[in-house]
Amino acid sequence: MRNTIIYLIAFIFLSLSENTASKNLYNQKGRKMENSENANYMILGKYFIYSIIAYEDFEKKQKNIEDFIIYIKDEDNEIELTFHPNLAKGESPMLGGKTSLGRTVVYLISKKDKKIIKINYQK
């Protein structure tokens, strides 16, 4: 189950992040990294762990993660992850971040403890 979650989160982030892999093709020793030139997307590892933490709660209460865009905000002591649902075909935006595919949820996660501090469901 844990591996499935990891692969799912990786897939989502890779499908949503911008194409910045070509900007960082070299490792810390200056050697070119294998397959980097073929990568379309990337995710920073420091955000990946927080995504898993939030997703473990998200999957209990929401619908299909593939129907969401995940925004990450890096604060001093916390990471804020906002899971915002897409609009279904033909659907108009509604006030408060809710769609037929789900509702917006914001997770605030402690960098120190790597635990969810607060969950905010927008209405």
PDB file of N, CA and C in Angstrom:
ATOM      1  N   MET A   1       0.828  -1.201   0.000  1.00  0.00           N
ATOM      2  CA  MET A   1       0.000   0.000   0.000  1.00  0.00           C
ATOM      3  C   MET A   1       0.864   1.253   0.000  1.00  0.00           C
ATOM      4  N   ARG A   2       1.889   1.267   0.835  1.00  0.00           N
ATOM      5  CA  ARG A   2       2.781   2.429   0.937  1.00  0.00           C
ATOM      6  C   ARG A   2       3.468   2.698  -0.400  1.00  0.00           C
ATOM      7  N   ASN A   3       3.911   1.645  -1.096  1.00  0.00           N
ATOM      8  CA  ASN A   3       4.549   1.815  -2.399  1.00  0.00           C
ATOM      9  C   ASN A   3       3.582   2.395  -3.412  1.00  0.00           C
ATOM     10  N   THR A   4       2.335   1.965  -3.357  1.00  0.00           N
ATOM     11  CA  THR A   4       1.318   2.495  -4.253  1.00  0.00           C
ATOM     12  C   THR A   4       1.138   3.986  -4.035  1.00  0.00           C
ATOM     13  N   ILE A   5       1.111   4.400  -2.779  1.00  0.00           N
ATOM     14  CA  ILE A   5       0.971   5.821  -2.455  1.00  0.00           C
ATOM     15  C   ILE A   5       2.156   6.598  -3.005  1.00  0.00           C
ATOM     16  N   ILE A   6       3.351   6.087  -2.807  1.00  0.00           N
ATOM     17  CA  ILE A   6       4.554   6.772  -3.286  1.00  0.00           C
ATOM     18  C   ILE A   6       4.517   6.925  -4.799  1.00  0.00           C
ATOM     19  N   TYR A   7       4.182   5.866  -5.511  1.00  0.00           N
ATOM     20  CA  TYR A   7       4.121   5.939  -6.967  1.00  0.00           C
ATOM     21  C   TYR A   7       3.031   6.895  -7.433  1.00  0.00           C
ATOM     22  N   LEU A   8       1.894   6.894  -6.765  1.00  0.00           N
ATOM     23  CA  LEU A   8       0.801   7.776  -7.132  1.00  0.00           C
ATOM     24  C   LEU A   8       1.180   9.237  -6.937  1.00  0.00           C
ATOM     25  N   ILE A   9       1.769   9.553  -5.799  1.00  0.00           N
ATOM     26  CA  ILE A   9       2.204  10.931  -5.543  1.00  0.00           C
ATOM     27  C   ILE A   9       3.244  11.354  -6.565  1.00  0.00           C
ATOM     28  N   ALA A  10       4.197  10.481  -6.846  1.00  0.00           N
ATOM     29  CA  ALA A  10       5.241  10.802  -7.822  1.00  0.00           C
ATOM     30  C   ALA A  10       4.624  11.077  -9.184  1.00  0.00           C
ATOM     31  N   PHE A  11       3.695  10.243  -9.601  1.00  0.00           N
ATOM     32  CA  PHE A  11       3.039  10.429 -10.887  1.00  0.00           C
ATOM     33  C   PHE A  11       2.321  11.772 -10.966  1.00  0.00           C
ATOM     34  N   ILE A  12       1.611  12.118  -9.920  1.00  0.00           N
ATOM     35  CA  ILE A  12       0.849  13.367  -9.907  1.00  0.00           C
ATOM     36  C   ILE A  12       1.770  14.567  -9.975  1.00  0.00           C
ATOM     37  N   PHE A  13       2.782  14.574  -9.132  1.00  0.00           N
ATOM     38  CA  PHE A  13       3.700  15.705  -9.138  1.00  0.00           C
ATOM     39  C   PHE A  13       4.449  15.810 -10.445  1.00  0.00           C
ATOM     40  N   LEU A  14       4.839  14.692 -10.984  1.00  0.00           N
ATOM     41  CA  LEU A  14       5.545  14.728 -12.254  1.00  0.00           C
ATOM     42  C   LEU A  14       4.650  15.222 -13.370  1.00  0.00           C
ATOM     43  N   SER A  15       3.381  14.956 -13.284  1.00  0.00           N
ATOM     44  CA  SER A  15       2.461  15.408 -14.324  1.00  0.00           C
ATOM     45  C   SER A  15       2.057  16.868 -14.146  1.00  0.00           C
ATOM     46  N   LEU A  16       2.310  17.453 -12.972  1.00  0.00           N
ATOM     47  CA  LEU A  16       1.881  18.823 -12.706  1.00  0.00           C
ATOM     48  C   LEU A  16       3.011  19.847 -12.666  1.00  0.00           C
ATOM     49  N   SER A  17       4.215  19.431 -12.341  1.00  0.00           N
ATOM     50  CA  SER A  17       5.300  20.391 -12.176  1.00  0.00           C
ATOM     51  C   SER A  17       5.788  20.897 -13.521  1.00  0.00           C
ATOM     52  N   GLU A  18       6.490  22.030 -13.481  1.00  0.00           N
ATOM     53  CA  GLU A  18       6.985  22.612 -14.726  1.00  0.00           C
ATOM     54  C   GLU A  18       8.234  21.894 -15.190  1.00  0.00           C
ATOM     55  N   ASN A  19       8.597  22.088 -16.437  1.00  0.00           N
ATOM     56  CA  ASN A  19       9.757  21.430 -17.007  1.00  0.00           C
ATOM     57  C   ASN A  19      11.020  22.171 -16.607  1.00  0.00           C
ATOM     58  N   THR A  20      11.616  21.764 -15.498  1.00  0.00           N
ATOM     59  CA  THR A  20      12.839  22.412 -15.034  1.00  0.00           C
ATOM     60  C   THR A  20      13.999  21.425 -14.970  1.00  0.00           C
ATOM     61  N   ALA A  21      13.783  20.207 -15.380  1.00  0.00           N
ATOM     62  CA  ALA A  21      14.840  19.207 -15.298  1.00  0.00           C
ATOM     63  C   ALA A  21      16.041  19.588 -16.149  1.00  0.00           C
ATOM     64  N   SER A  22      15.803  20.221 -17.292  1.00  0.00           N
ATOM     65  CA  SER A  22      16.910  20.565 -18.172  1.00  0.00           C
ATOM     66  C   SER A  22      17.799  21.647 -17.573  1.00  0.00           C
ATOM     67  N   LYS A  23      17.328  22.380 -16.582  1.00  0.00           N
ATOM     68  CA  LYS A  23      18.109  23.428 -15.944  1.00  0.00           C
ATOM     69  C   LYS A  23      19.102  22.866 -14.936  1.00  0.00           C
ATOM     70  N   ASN A  24      18.912  21.630 -14.496  1.00  0.00           N
ATOM     71  CA  ASN A  24      19.756  21.053 -13.463  1.00  0.00           C
ATOM     72  C   ASN A  24      20.163  19.637 -13.859  1.00  0.00           C
ATOM     73  N   LEU A  25      21.070  19.535 -14.831  1.00  0.00           N
ATOM     74  CA  LEU A  25      21.466  18.237 -15.350  1.00  0.00           C
ATOM     75  C   LEU A  25      22.696  17.670 -14.663  1.00  0.00           C
ATOM     76  N   TYR A  26      23.285  18.423 -13.751  1.00  0.00           N
ATOM     77  CA  TYR A  26      24.541  18.006 -13.158  1.00  0.00           C
ATOM     78  C   TYR A  26      24.390  17.763 -11.664  1.00  0.00           C
ATOM     79  N   ASN A  27      25.050  16.743 -11.164  1.00  0.00           N
ATOM     80  CA  ASN A  27      25.001  16.457  -9.738  1.00  0.00           C
ATOM     81  C   ASN A  27      25.984  17.355  -8.991  1.00  0.00           C
ATOM     82  N   GLN A  28      26.110  17.158  -7.691  1.00  0.00           N
ATOM     83  CA  GLN A  28      26.951  18.025  -6.878  1.00  0.00           C
ATOM     84  C   GLN A  28      28.429  17.936  -7.265  1.00  0.00           C
ATOM     85  N   LYS A  29      28.854  16.853  -7.864  1.00  0.00           N
ATOM     86  CA  LYS A  29      30.258  16.705  -8.268  1.00  0.00           C
ATOM     87  C   LYS A  29      30.493  17.209  -9.688  1.00  0.00           C
ATOM     88  N   GLY A  30      29.484  17.761 -10.302  1.00  0.00           N
ATOM     89  CA  GLY A  30      29.635  18.335 -11.631  1.00  0.00           C
ATOM     90  C   GLY A  30      29.505  17.354 -12.776  1.00  0.00           C
ATOM     91  N   ARG A  31      29.154  16.111 -12.464  1.00  0.00           N
ATOM     92  CA  ARG A  31      28.982  15.119 -13.517  1.00  0.00           C
ATOM     93  C   ARG A  31      27.556  15.153 -14.040  1.00  0.00           C
ATOM     94  N   LYS A  32      27.427  14.969 -15.331  1.00  0.00           N
ATOM     95  CA  LYS A  32      26.102  14.958 -15.936  1.00  0.00           C
ATOM     96  C   LYS A  32      25.316  13.750 -15.430  1.00  0.00           C
ATOM     97  N   MET A  33      24.069  13.975 -15.010  1.00  0.00           N
ATOM     98  CA  MET A  33      23.227  12.895 -14.488  1.00  0.00           C
ATOM     99  C   MET A  33      22.584  12.147 -15.644  1.00  0.00           C
ATOM    100  N   GLU A  34      22.556  10.823 -15.521  1.00  0.00           N
ATOM    101  CA  GLU A  34      21.959   9.978 -16.552  1.00  0.00           C
ATOM    102  C   GLU A  34      20.468  10.264 -16.704  1.00  0.00           C
ATOM    103  N   ASN A  35      19.969  10.265 -17.926  1.00  0.00           N
ATOM    104  CA  ASN A  35      18.552  10.393 -18.264  1.00  0.00           C
ATOM    105  C   ASN A  35      17.945  11.752 -17.926  1.00  0.00           C
ATOM    106  N   SER A  36      18.694  12.694 -17.379  1.00  0.00           N
ATOM    107  CA  SER A  36      18.125  14.001 -17.047  1.00  0.00           C
ATOM    108  C   SER A  36      17.654  14.743 -18.281  1.00  0.00           C
ATOM    109  N   GLU A  37      18.390  14.577 -19.371  1.00  0.00           N
ATOM    110  CA  GLU A  37      18.020  15.298 -20.593  1.00  0.00           C
ATOM    111  C   GLU A  37      16.701  14.800 -21.158  1.00  0.00           C
ATOM    112  N   ASN A  38      16.264  13.610 -20.751  1.00  0.00           N
ATOM    113  CA  ASN A  38      14.999  13.061 -21.235  1.00  0.00           C
ATOM    114  C   ASN A  38      13.837  13.315 -20.282  1.00  0.00           C
ATOM    115  N   ALA A  39      14.114  13.883 -19.110  1.00  0.00           N
ATOM    116  CA  ALA A  39      13.061  14.112 -18.119  1.00  0.00           C
ATOM    117  C   ALA A  39      12.207  15.310 -18.524  1.00  0.00           C
ATOM    118  N   ASN A  40      10.910  15.182 -18.351  1.00  0.00           N
ATOM    119  CA  ASN A  40       9.989  16.281 -18.637  1.00  0.00           C
ATOM    120  C   ASN A  40       9.661  17.094 -17.400  1.00  0.00           C
ATOM    121  N   TYR A  41       9.674  16.470 -16.228  1.00  0.00           N
ATOM    122  CA  TYR A  41       9.266  17.114 -14.998  1.00  0.00           C
ATOM    123  C   TYR A  41      10.177  16.668 -13.862  1.00  0.00           C
ATOM    124  N   MET A  42      10.110  17.400 -12.767  1.00  0.00           N
ATOM    125  CA  MET A  42      10.868  17.007 -11.587  1.00  0.00           C
ATOM    126  C   MET A  42      10.121  17.426 -10.336  1.00  0.00           C
ATOM    127  N   ILE A  43      10.477  16.793  -9.227  1.00  0.00           N
ATOM    128  CA  ILE A  43       9.947  17.171  -7.928  1.00  0.00           C
ATOM    129  C   ILE A  43      11.115  17.149  -6.952  1.00  0.00           C
ATOM    130  N   LEU A  44      11.193  18.151  -6.130  1.00  0.00           N
ATOM    131  CA  LEU A  44      12.241  18.183  -5.123  1.00  0.00           C
ATOM    132  C   LEU A  44      11.911  17.176  -4.030  1.00  0.00           C
ATOM    133  N   GLY A  45      12.886  16.386  -3.660  1.00  0.00           N
ATOM    134  CA  GLY A  45      12.691  15.360  -2.644  1.00  0.00           C
ATOM    135  C   GLY A  45      12.214  15.913  -1.317  1.00  0.00           C
ATOM    136  N   LYS A  46      12.638  17.145  -0.993  1.00  0.00           N
ATOM    137  CA  LYS A  46      12.229  17.711   0.295  1.00  0.00           C
ATOM    138  C   LYS A  46      10.726  17.959   0.356  1.00  0.00           C
ATOM    139  N   TYR A  47      10.067  18.083  -0.788  1.00  0.00           N
ATOM    140  CA  TYR A  47       8.618  18.265  -0.802  1.00  0.00           C
ATOM    141  C   TYR A  47       7.880  16.942  -0.963  1.00  0.00           C
ATOM    142  N   PHE A  48       8.536  15.954  -1.490  1.00  0.00           N
ATOM    143  CA  PHE A  48       7.908  14.666  -1.735  1.00  0.00           C
ATOM    144  C   PHE A  48       7.397  14.036  -0.440  1.00  0.00           C
ATOM    145  N   ILE A  49       8.198  14.053   0.613  1.00  0.00           N
ATOM    146  CA  ILE A  49       7.800  13.440   1.886  1.00  0.00           C
ATOM    147  C   ILE A  49       6.554  14.118   2.462  1.00  0.00           C
ATOM    148  N   TYR A  50       6.468  15.436   2.338  1.00  0.00           N
ATOM    149  CA  TYR A  50       5.295  16.155   2.853  1.00  0.00           C
ATOM    150  C   TYR A  50       4.051  15.812   2.028  1.00  0.00           C
ATOM    151  N   SER A  51       4.251  15.578   0.758  1.00  0.00           N
ATOM    152  CA  SER A  51       3.136  15.182  -0.108  1.00  0.00           C
ATOM    153  C   SER A  51       2.564  13.837   0.315  1.00  0.00           C
ATOM    154  N   ILE A  52       3.431  12.913   0.685  1.00  0.00           N
ATOM    155  CA  ILE A  52       2.978  11.593   1.143  1.00  0.00           C
ATOM    156  C   ILE A  52       2.196  11.728   2.448  1.00  0.00           C
ATOM    157  N   ILE A  53       2.727  12.545   3.356  1.00  0.00           N
ATOM    158  CA  ILE A  53       2.048  12.755   4.646  1.00  0.00           C
ATOM    159  C   ILE A  53       0.636  13.286   4.421  1.00  0.00           C
ATOM    160  N   ALA A  54       0.514  14.303   3.570  1.00  0.00           N
ATOM    161  CA  ALA A  54      -0.804  14.879   3.297  1.00  0.00           C
ATOM    162  C   ALA A  54      -1.695  13.889   2.547  1.00  0.00           C
ATOM    163  N   TYR A  55      -1.133  13.166   1.601  1.00  0.00           N
ATOM    164  CA  TYR A  55      -1.927  12.246   0.800  1.00  0.00           C
ATOM    165  C   TYR A  55      -2.537  11.128   1.642  1.00  0.00           C
ATOM    166  N   GLU A  56      -1.825  10.671   2.657  1.00  0.00           N
ATOM    167  CA  GLU A  56      -2.365   9.605   3.505  1.00  0.00           C
ATOM    168  C   GLU A  56      -3.668  10.030   4.161  1.00  0.00           C
ATOM    169  N   ASP A  57      -3.808  11.306   4.512  1.00  0.00           N
ATOM    170  CA  ASP A  57      -5.079  11.803   5.042  1.00  0.00           C
ATOM    171  C   ASP A  57      -6.062  12.059   3.911  1.00  0.00           C
ATOM    172  N   PHE A  58      -5.585  12.643   2.831  1.00  0.00           N
ATOM    173  CA  PHE A  58      -6.419  13.006   1.687  1.00  0.00           C
ATOM    174  C   PHE A  58      -7.196  11.806   1.155  1.00  0.00           C
ATOM    175  N   GLU A  59      -6.525  10.671   1.002  1.00  0.00           N
ATOM    176  CA  GLU A  59      -7.168   9.499   0.390  1.00  0.00           C
ATOM    177  C   GLU A  59      -8.320   8.949   1.215  1.00  0.00           C
ATOM    178  N   LYS A  60      -8.356   9.257   2.502  1.00  0.00           N
ATOM    179  CA  LYS A  60      -9.442   8.792   3.366  1.00  0.00           C
ATOM    180  C   LYS A  60     -10.722   9.591   3.155  1.00  0.00           C
ATOM    181  N   LYS A  61     -10.606  10.822   2.666  1.00  0.00           N
ATOM    182  CA  LYS A  61     -11.745  11.735   2.664  1.00  0.00           C
ATOM    183  C   LYS A  61     -12.141  12.276   1.294  1.00  0.00           C
ATOM    184  N   GLN A  62     -11.288  12.125   0.328  1.00  0.00           N
ATOM    185  CA  GLN A  62     -11.548  12.718  -0.981  1.00  0.00           C
ATOM    186  C   GLN A  62     -11.744  11.635  -2.037  1.00  0.00           C
ATOM    187  N   LYS A  63     -11.955  12.116  -3.247  1.00  0.00           N
ATOM    188  CA  LYS A  63     -12.161  11.213  -4.374  1.00  0.00           C
ATOM    189  C   LYS A  63     -10.830  10.892  -5.042  1.00  0.00           C
ATOM    190  N   ASN A  64     -10.774  10.958  -6.318  1.00  0.00           N
ATOM    191  CA  ASN A  64      -9.624  10.590  -7.127  1.00  0.00           C
ATOM    192  C   ASN A  64      -8.540  11.674  -7.100  1.00  0.00           C
ATOM    193  N   ILE A  65      -7.340  11.366  -6.634  1.00  0.00           N
ATOM    194  CA  ILE A  65      -6.248  12.331  -6.565  1.00  0.00           C
ATOM    195  C   ILE A  65      -5.883  12.880  -7.940  1.00  0.00           C
ATOM    196  N   GLU A  66      -6.146  12.126  -8.984  1.00  0.00           N
ATOM    197  CA  GLU A  66      -5.836  12.589 -10.335  1.00  0.00           C
ATOM    198  C   GLU A  66      -6.708  13.772 -10.757  1.00  0.00           C
ATOM    199  N   ASP A  67      -7.760  14.037 -10.006  1.00  0.00           N
ATOM    200  CA  ASP A  67      -8.642  15.175 -10.301  1.00  0.00           C
ATOM    201  C   ASP A  67      -8.213  16.435  -9.565  1.00  0.00           C
ATOM    202  N   PHE A  68      -7.031  16.446  -8.977  1.00  0.00           N
ATOM    203  CA  PHE A  68      -6.564  17.567  -8.167  1.00  0.00           C
ATOM    204  C   PHE A  68      -5.225  18.101  -8.650  1.00  0.00           C
ATOM    205  N   ILE A  69      -5.021  19.390  -8.407  1.00  0.00           N
ATOM    206  CA  ILE A  69      -3.731  20.037  -8.586  1.00  0.00           C
ATOM    207  C   ILE A  69      -3.215  20.322  -7.183  1.00  0.00           C
ATOM    208  N   ILE A  70      -1.932  20.073  -6.961  1.00  0.00           N
ATOM    209  CA  ILE A  70      -1.350  20.271  -5.634  1.00  0.00           C
ATOM    210  C   ILE A  70      -0.392  21.450  -5.683  1.00  0.00           C
ATOM    211  N   TYR A  71      -0.642  22.420  -4.811  1.00  0.00           N
ATOM    212  CA  TYR A  71       0.211  23.598  -4.695  1.00  0.00           C
ATOM    213  C   TYR A  71       1.012  23.484  -3.404  1.00  0.00           C
ATOM    214  N   ILE A  72       2.288  23.861  -3.467  1.00  0.00           N
ATOM    215  CA  ILE A  72       3.168  23.761  -2.301  1.00  0.00           C
ATOM    216  C   ILE A  72       3.702  25.140  -1.955  1.00  0.00           C
ATOM    217  N   LYS A  73       3.582  25.491  -0.675  1.00  0.00           N
ATOM    218  CA  LYS A  73       4.113  26.751  -0.170  1.00  0.00           C
ATOM    219  C   LYS A  73       5.066  26.423   0.965  1.00  0.00           C
ATOM    220  N   ASP A  74       6.313  26.852   0.829  1.00  0.00           N
ATOM    221  CA  ASP A  74       7.354  26.566   1.816  1.00  0.00           C
ATOM    222  C   ASP A  74       7.476  27.750   2.765  1.00  0.00           C
ATOM    223  N   GLU A  75       7.044  27.546   4.001  1.00  0.00           N
ATOM    224  CA  GLU A  75       7.137  28.573   5.049  1.00  0.00           C
ATOM    225  C   GLU A  75       8.378  28.297   5.895  1.00  0.00           C
ATOM    226  N   ASP A  76       8.653  29.153   6.886  1.00  0.00           N
ATOM    227  CA  ASP A  76       9.821  28.970   7.746  1.00  0.00           C
ATOM    228  C   ASP A  76       9.817  27.630   8.471  1.00  0.00           C
ATOM    229  N   ASN A  77       8.726  27.327   9.169  1.00  0.00           N
ATOM    230  CA  ASN A  77       8.662  26.118   9.988  1.00  0.00           C
ATOM    231  C   ASN A  77       7.662  25.083   9.505  1.00  0.00           C
ATOM    232  N   GLU A  78       6.897  25.424   8.456  1.00  0.00           N
ATOM    233  CA  GLU A  78       5.857  24.529   7.958  1.00  0.00           C
ATOM    234  C   GLU A  78       5.873  24.483   6.434  1.00  0.00           C
ATOM    235  N   ILE A  79       5.259  23.446   5.943  1.00  0.00           N
ATOM    236  CA  ILE A  79       4.974  23.310   4.517  1.00  0.00           C
ATOM    237  C   ILE A  79       3.460  23.316   4.380  1.00  0.00           C
ATOM    238  N   GLU A  80       2.951  24.131   3.472  1.00  0.00           N
ATOM    239  CA  GLU A  80       1.511  24.173   3.208  1.00  0.00           C
ATOM    240  C   GLU A  80       1.259  23.526   1.858  1.00  0.00           C
ATOM    241  N   LEU A  81       0.424  22.502   1.850  1.00  0.00           N
ATOM    242  CA  LEU A  81       0.030  21.836   0.612  1.00  0.00           C
ATOM    243  C   LEU A  81      -1.458  22.063   0.399  1.00  0.00           C
ATOM    244  N   THR A  82      -1.809  22.602  -0.745  1.00  0.00           N
ATOM    245  CA  THR A  82      -3.204  22.835  -1.095  1.00  0.00           C
ATOM    246  C   THR A  82      -3.590  21.888  -2.216  1.00  0.00           C
ATOM    247  N   PHE A  83      -4.560  21.046  -1.958  1.00  0.00           N
ATOM    248  CA  PHE A  83      -5.095  20.129  -2.958  1.00  0.00           C
ATOM    249  C   PHE A  83      -6.344  20.801  -3.536  1.00  0.00           C
ATOM    250  N   HIS A  84      -6.259  21.248  -4.767  1.00  0.00           N
ATOM    251  CA  HIS A  84      -7.364  21.981  -5.390  1.00  0.00           C
ATOM    252  C   HIS A  84      -7.959  21.139  -6.512  1.00  0.00           C
ATOM    253  N   PRO A  85      -9.275  20.883  -6.467  1.00  0.00           N
ATOM    254  CA  PRO A  85      -9.892  20.029  -7.492  1.00  0.00           C
ATOM    255  C   PRO A  85     -10.003  20.723  -8.840  1.00  0.00           C
ATOM    256  N   ASN A  86      -9.866  19.930  -9.881  1.00  0.00           N
ATOM    257  CA  ASN A  86     -10.108  20.423 -11.233  1.00  0.00           C
ATOM    258  C   ASN A  86     -11.605  20.596 -11.443  1.00  0.00           C
ATOM    259  N   LEU A  87     -11.964  21.216 -12.534  1.00  0.00           N
ATOM    260  CA  LEU A  87     -13.368  21.317 -12.921  1.00  0.00           C
ATOM    261  C   LEU A  87     -13.713  20.160 -13.847  1.00  0.00           C
ATOM    262  N   ALA A  88     -14.848  19.567 -13.639  1.00  0.00           N
ATOM    263  CA  ALA A  88     -15.321  18.525 -14.545  1.00  0.00           C
ATOM    264  C   ALA A  88     -15.699  19.176 -15.873  1.00  0.00           C
ATOM    265  N   LYS A  89     -15.750  18.395 -16.920  1.00  0.00           N
ATOM    266  CA  LYS A  89     -16.095  18.913 -18.235  1.00  0.00           C
ATOM    267  C   LYS A  89     -17.453  19.608 -18.187  1.00  0.00           C
ATOM    268  N   GLY A  90     -17.488  20.862 -18.631  1.00  0.00           N
ATOM    269  CA  GLY A  90     -18.723  21.633 -18.657  1.00  0.00           C
ATOM    270  C   GLY A  90     -19.093  22.289 -17.342  1.00  0.00           C
ATOM    271  N   GLU A  91     -18.292  22.083 -16.314  1.00  0.00           N
ATOM    272  CA  GLU A  91     -18.588  22.630 -14.988  1.00  0.00           C
ATOM    273  C   GLU A  91     -18.046  24.057 -14.869  1.00  0.00           C
ATOM    274  N   SER A  92     -18.784  24.915 -14.196  1.00  0.00           N
ATOM    275  CA  SER A  92     -18.354  26.289 -13.934  1.00  0.00           C
ATOM    276  C   SER A  92     -17.761  26.381 -12.535  1.00  0.00           C
ATOM    277  N   PRO A  93     -16.806  27.294 -12.336  1.00  0.00           N
ATOM    278  CA  PRO A  93     -16.227  27.454 -10.989  1.00  0.00           C
ATOM    279  C   PRO A  93     -17.285  27.857  -9.971  1.00  0.00           C
ATOM    280  N   MET A  94     -17.126  27.348  -8.740  1.00  0.00           N
ATOM    281  CA  MET A  94     -18.038  27.681  -7.656  1.00  0.00           C
ATOM    282  C   MET A  94     -17.255  28.396  -6.565  1.00  0.00           C
ATOM    283  N   LEU A  95     -17.909  29.267  -5.861  1.00  0.00           N
ATOM    284  CA  LEU A  95     -17.289  29.981  -4.762  1.00  0.00           C
ATOM    285  C   LEU A  95     -16.864  28.995  -3.679  1.00  0.00           C
ATOM    286  N   GLY A  96     -15.633  29.126  -3.195  1.00  0.00           N
ATOM    287  CA  GLY A  96     -15.167  28.312  -2.085  1.00  0.00           C
ATOM    288  C   GLY A  96     -14.304  27.126  -2.455  1.00  0.00           C
ATOM    289  N   GLY A  97     -14.075  26.869  -3.726  1.00  0.00           N
ATOM    290  CA  GLY A  97     -13.151  25.807  -4.113  1.00  0.00           C
ATOM    291  C   GLY A  97     -13.726  24.406  -4.176  1.00  0.00           C
ATOM    292  N   LYS A  98     -15.047  24.279  -4.259  1.00  0.00           N
ATOM    293  CA  LYS A  98     -15.644  22.948  -4.360  1.00  0.00           C
ATOM    294  C   LYS A  98     -16.106  22.711  -5.791  1.00  0.00           C
ATOM    295  N   THR A  99     -15.878  21.495  -6.274  1.00  0.00           N
ATOM    296  CA  THR A  99     -16.380  21.095  -7.585  1.00  0.00           C
ATOM    297  C   THR A  99     -17.017  19.719  -7.430  1.00  0.00           C
ATOM    298  N   SER A 100     -17.567  19.211  -8.504  1.00  0.00           N
ATOM    299  CA  SER A 100     -18.150  17.868  -8.445  1.00  0.00           C
ATOM    300  C   SER A 100     -17.066  16.804  -8.247  1.00  0.00           C
ATOM    301  N   LEU A 101     -15.810  17.172  -8.491  1.00  0.00           N
ATOM    302  CA  LEU A 101     -14.702  16.229  -8.340  1.00  0.00           C
ATOM    303  C   LEU A 101     -14.109  16.217  -6.933  1.00  0.00           C
ATOM    304  N   GLY A 102     -14.522  17.156  -6.097  1.00  0.00           N
ATOM    305  CA  GLY A 102     -14.016  17.217  -4.729  1.00  0.00           C
ATOM    306  C   GLY A 102     -13.995  18.647  -4.221  1.00  0.00           C
ATOM    307  N   ARG A 103     -13.394  18.843  -3.055  1.00  0.00           N
ATOM    308  CA  ARG A 103     -13.296  20.194  -2.507  1.00  0.00           C
ATOM    309  C   ARG A 103     -11.857  20.490  -2.118  1.00  0.00           C
ATOM    310  N   THR A 104     -11.527  21.764  -2.117  1.00  0.00           N
ATOM    311  CA  THR A 104     -10.179  22.199  -1.780  1.00  0.00           C
ATOM    312  C   THR A 104      -9.875  21.901  -0.321  1.00  0.00           C
ATOM    313  N   VAL A 105      -8.685  21.356  -0.096  1.00  0.00           N
ATOM    314  CA  VAL A 105      -8.234  21.091   1.265  1.00  0.00           C
ATOM    315  C   VAL A 105      -6.784  21.569   1.381  1.00  0.00           C
ATOM    316  N   VAL A 106      -6.492  22.227   2.514  1.00  0.00           N
ATOM    317  CA  VAL A 106      -5.158  22.760   2.766  1.00  0.00           C
ATOM    318  C   VAL A 106      -4.571  22.040   3.979  1.00  0.00           C
ATOM    319  N   TYR A 107      -3.371  21.507   3.803  1.00  0.00           N
ATOM    320  CA  TYR A 107      -2.651  20.835   4.878  1.00  0.00           C
ATOM    321  C   TYR A 107      -1.468  21.695   5.300  1.00  0.00           C
ATOM    322  N   LEU A 108      -1.320  21.895   6.593  1.00  0.00           N
ATOM    323  CA  LEU A 108      -0.162  22.574   7.153  1.00  0.00           C
ATOM    324  C   LEU A 108       0.628  21.503   7.906  1.00  0.00           C
ATOM    325  N   ILE A 109       1.873  21.293   7.482  1.00  0.00           N
ATOM    326  CA  ILE A 109       2.690  20.213   8.032  1.00  0.00           C
ATOM    327  C   ILE A 109       3.962  20.790   8.646  1.00  0.00           C
ATOM    328  N   SER A 110       4.276  20.351   9.853  1.00  0.00           N
ATOM    329  CA  SER A 110       5.473  20.787  10.564  1.00  0.00           C
ATOM    330  C   SER A 110       6.723  20.214   9.898  1.00  0.00           C
ATOM    331  N   LYS A 111       7.701  21.074   9.616  1.00  0.00           N
ATOM    332  CA  LYS A 111       8.966  20.591   9.072  1.00  0.00           C
ATOM    333  C   LYS A 111       9.732  19.786  10.117  1.00  0.00           C
ATOM    334  N   LYS A 112       9.649  20.219  11.354  1.00  0.00           N
ATOM    335  CA  LYS A 112      10.399  19.569  12.435  1.00  0.00           C
ATOM    336  C   LYS A 112       9.865  18.167  12.728  1.00  0.00           C
ATOM    337  N   ASP A 113       8.568  18.055  12.965  1.00  0.00           N
ATOM    338  CA  ASP A 113       7.951  16.785  13.357  1.00  0.00           C
ATOM    339  C   ASP A 113       7.451  15.957  12.181  1.00  0.00           C
ATOM    340  N   LYS A 114       7.313  16.592  11.024  1.00  0.00           N
ATOM    341  CA  LYS A 114       6.750  15.945   9.837  1.00  0.00           C
ATOM    342  C   LYS A 114       5.372  15.352  10.140  1.00  0.00           C
ATOM    343  N   LYS A 115       4.561  16.164  10.831  1.00  0.00           N
ATOM    344  CA  LYS A 115       3.186  15.776  11.156  1.00  0.00           C
ATOM    345  C   LYS A 115       2.246  16.896  10.738  1.00  0.00           C
ATOM    346  N   ILE A 116       1.006  16.511  10.455  1.00  0.00           N
ATOM    347  CA  ILE A 116      -0.007  17.499  10.080  1.00  0.00           C
ATOM    348  C   ILE A 116      -0.364  18.328  11.304  1.00  0.00           C
ATOM    349  N   ILE A 117      -0.251  19.639  11.175  1.00  0.00           N
ATOM    350  CA  ILE A 117      -0.590  20.573  12.248  1.00  0.00           C
ATOM    351  C   ILE A 117      -2.051  20.993  12.131  1.00  0.00           C
ATOM    352  N   LYS A 118      -2.479  21.227  10.885  1.00  0.00           N
ATOM    353  CA  LYS A 118      -3.823  21.751  10.656  1.00  0.00           C
ATOM    354  C   LYS A 118      -4.328  21.309   9.293  1.00  0.00           C
ATOM    355  N   ILE A 119      -5.623  21.042   9.227  1.00  0.00           N
ATOM    356  CA  ILE A 119      -6.303  20.720   7.974  1.00  0.00           C
ATOM    357  C   ILE A 119      -7.457  21.696   7.828  1.00  0.00           C
ATOM    358  N   ASN A 120      -7.538  22.336   6.678  1.00  0.00           N
ATOM    359  CA  ASN A 120      -8.595  23.311   6.422  1.00  0.00           C
ATOM    360  C   ASN A 120      -9.328  22.919   5.145  1.00  0.00           C
ATOM    361  N   TYR A 121     -10.595  22.556   5.294  1.00  0.00           N
ATOM    362  CA  TYR A 121     -11.444  22.270   4.132  1.00  0.00           C
ATOM    363  C   TYR A 121     -12.168  23.552   3.753  1.00  0.00           C
ATOM    364  N   GLN A 122     -11.975  23.984   2.526  1.00  0.00           N
ATOM    365  CA  GLN A 122     -12.661  25.188   2.082  1.00  0.00           C
ATOM    366  C   GLN A 122     -14.067  24.832   1.634  1.00  0.00           C
ATOM    367  N   LYS A 123     -14.971  25.742   1.887  1.00  0.00           N
ATOM    368  CA  LYS A 123     -16.386  25.511   1.548  1.00  0.00           C
ATOM    369  C   LYS A 123     -16.835  26.437   0.475  1.00  0.00           C
TER     370      LYS A 123
END
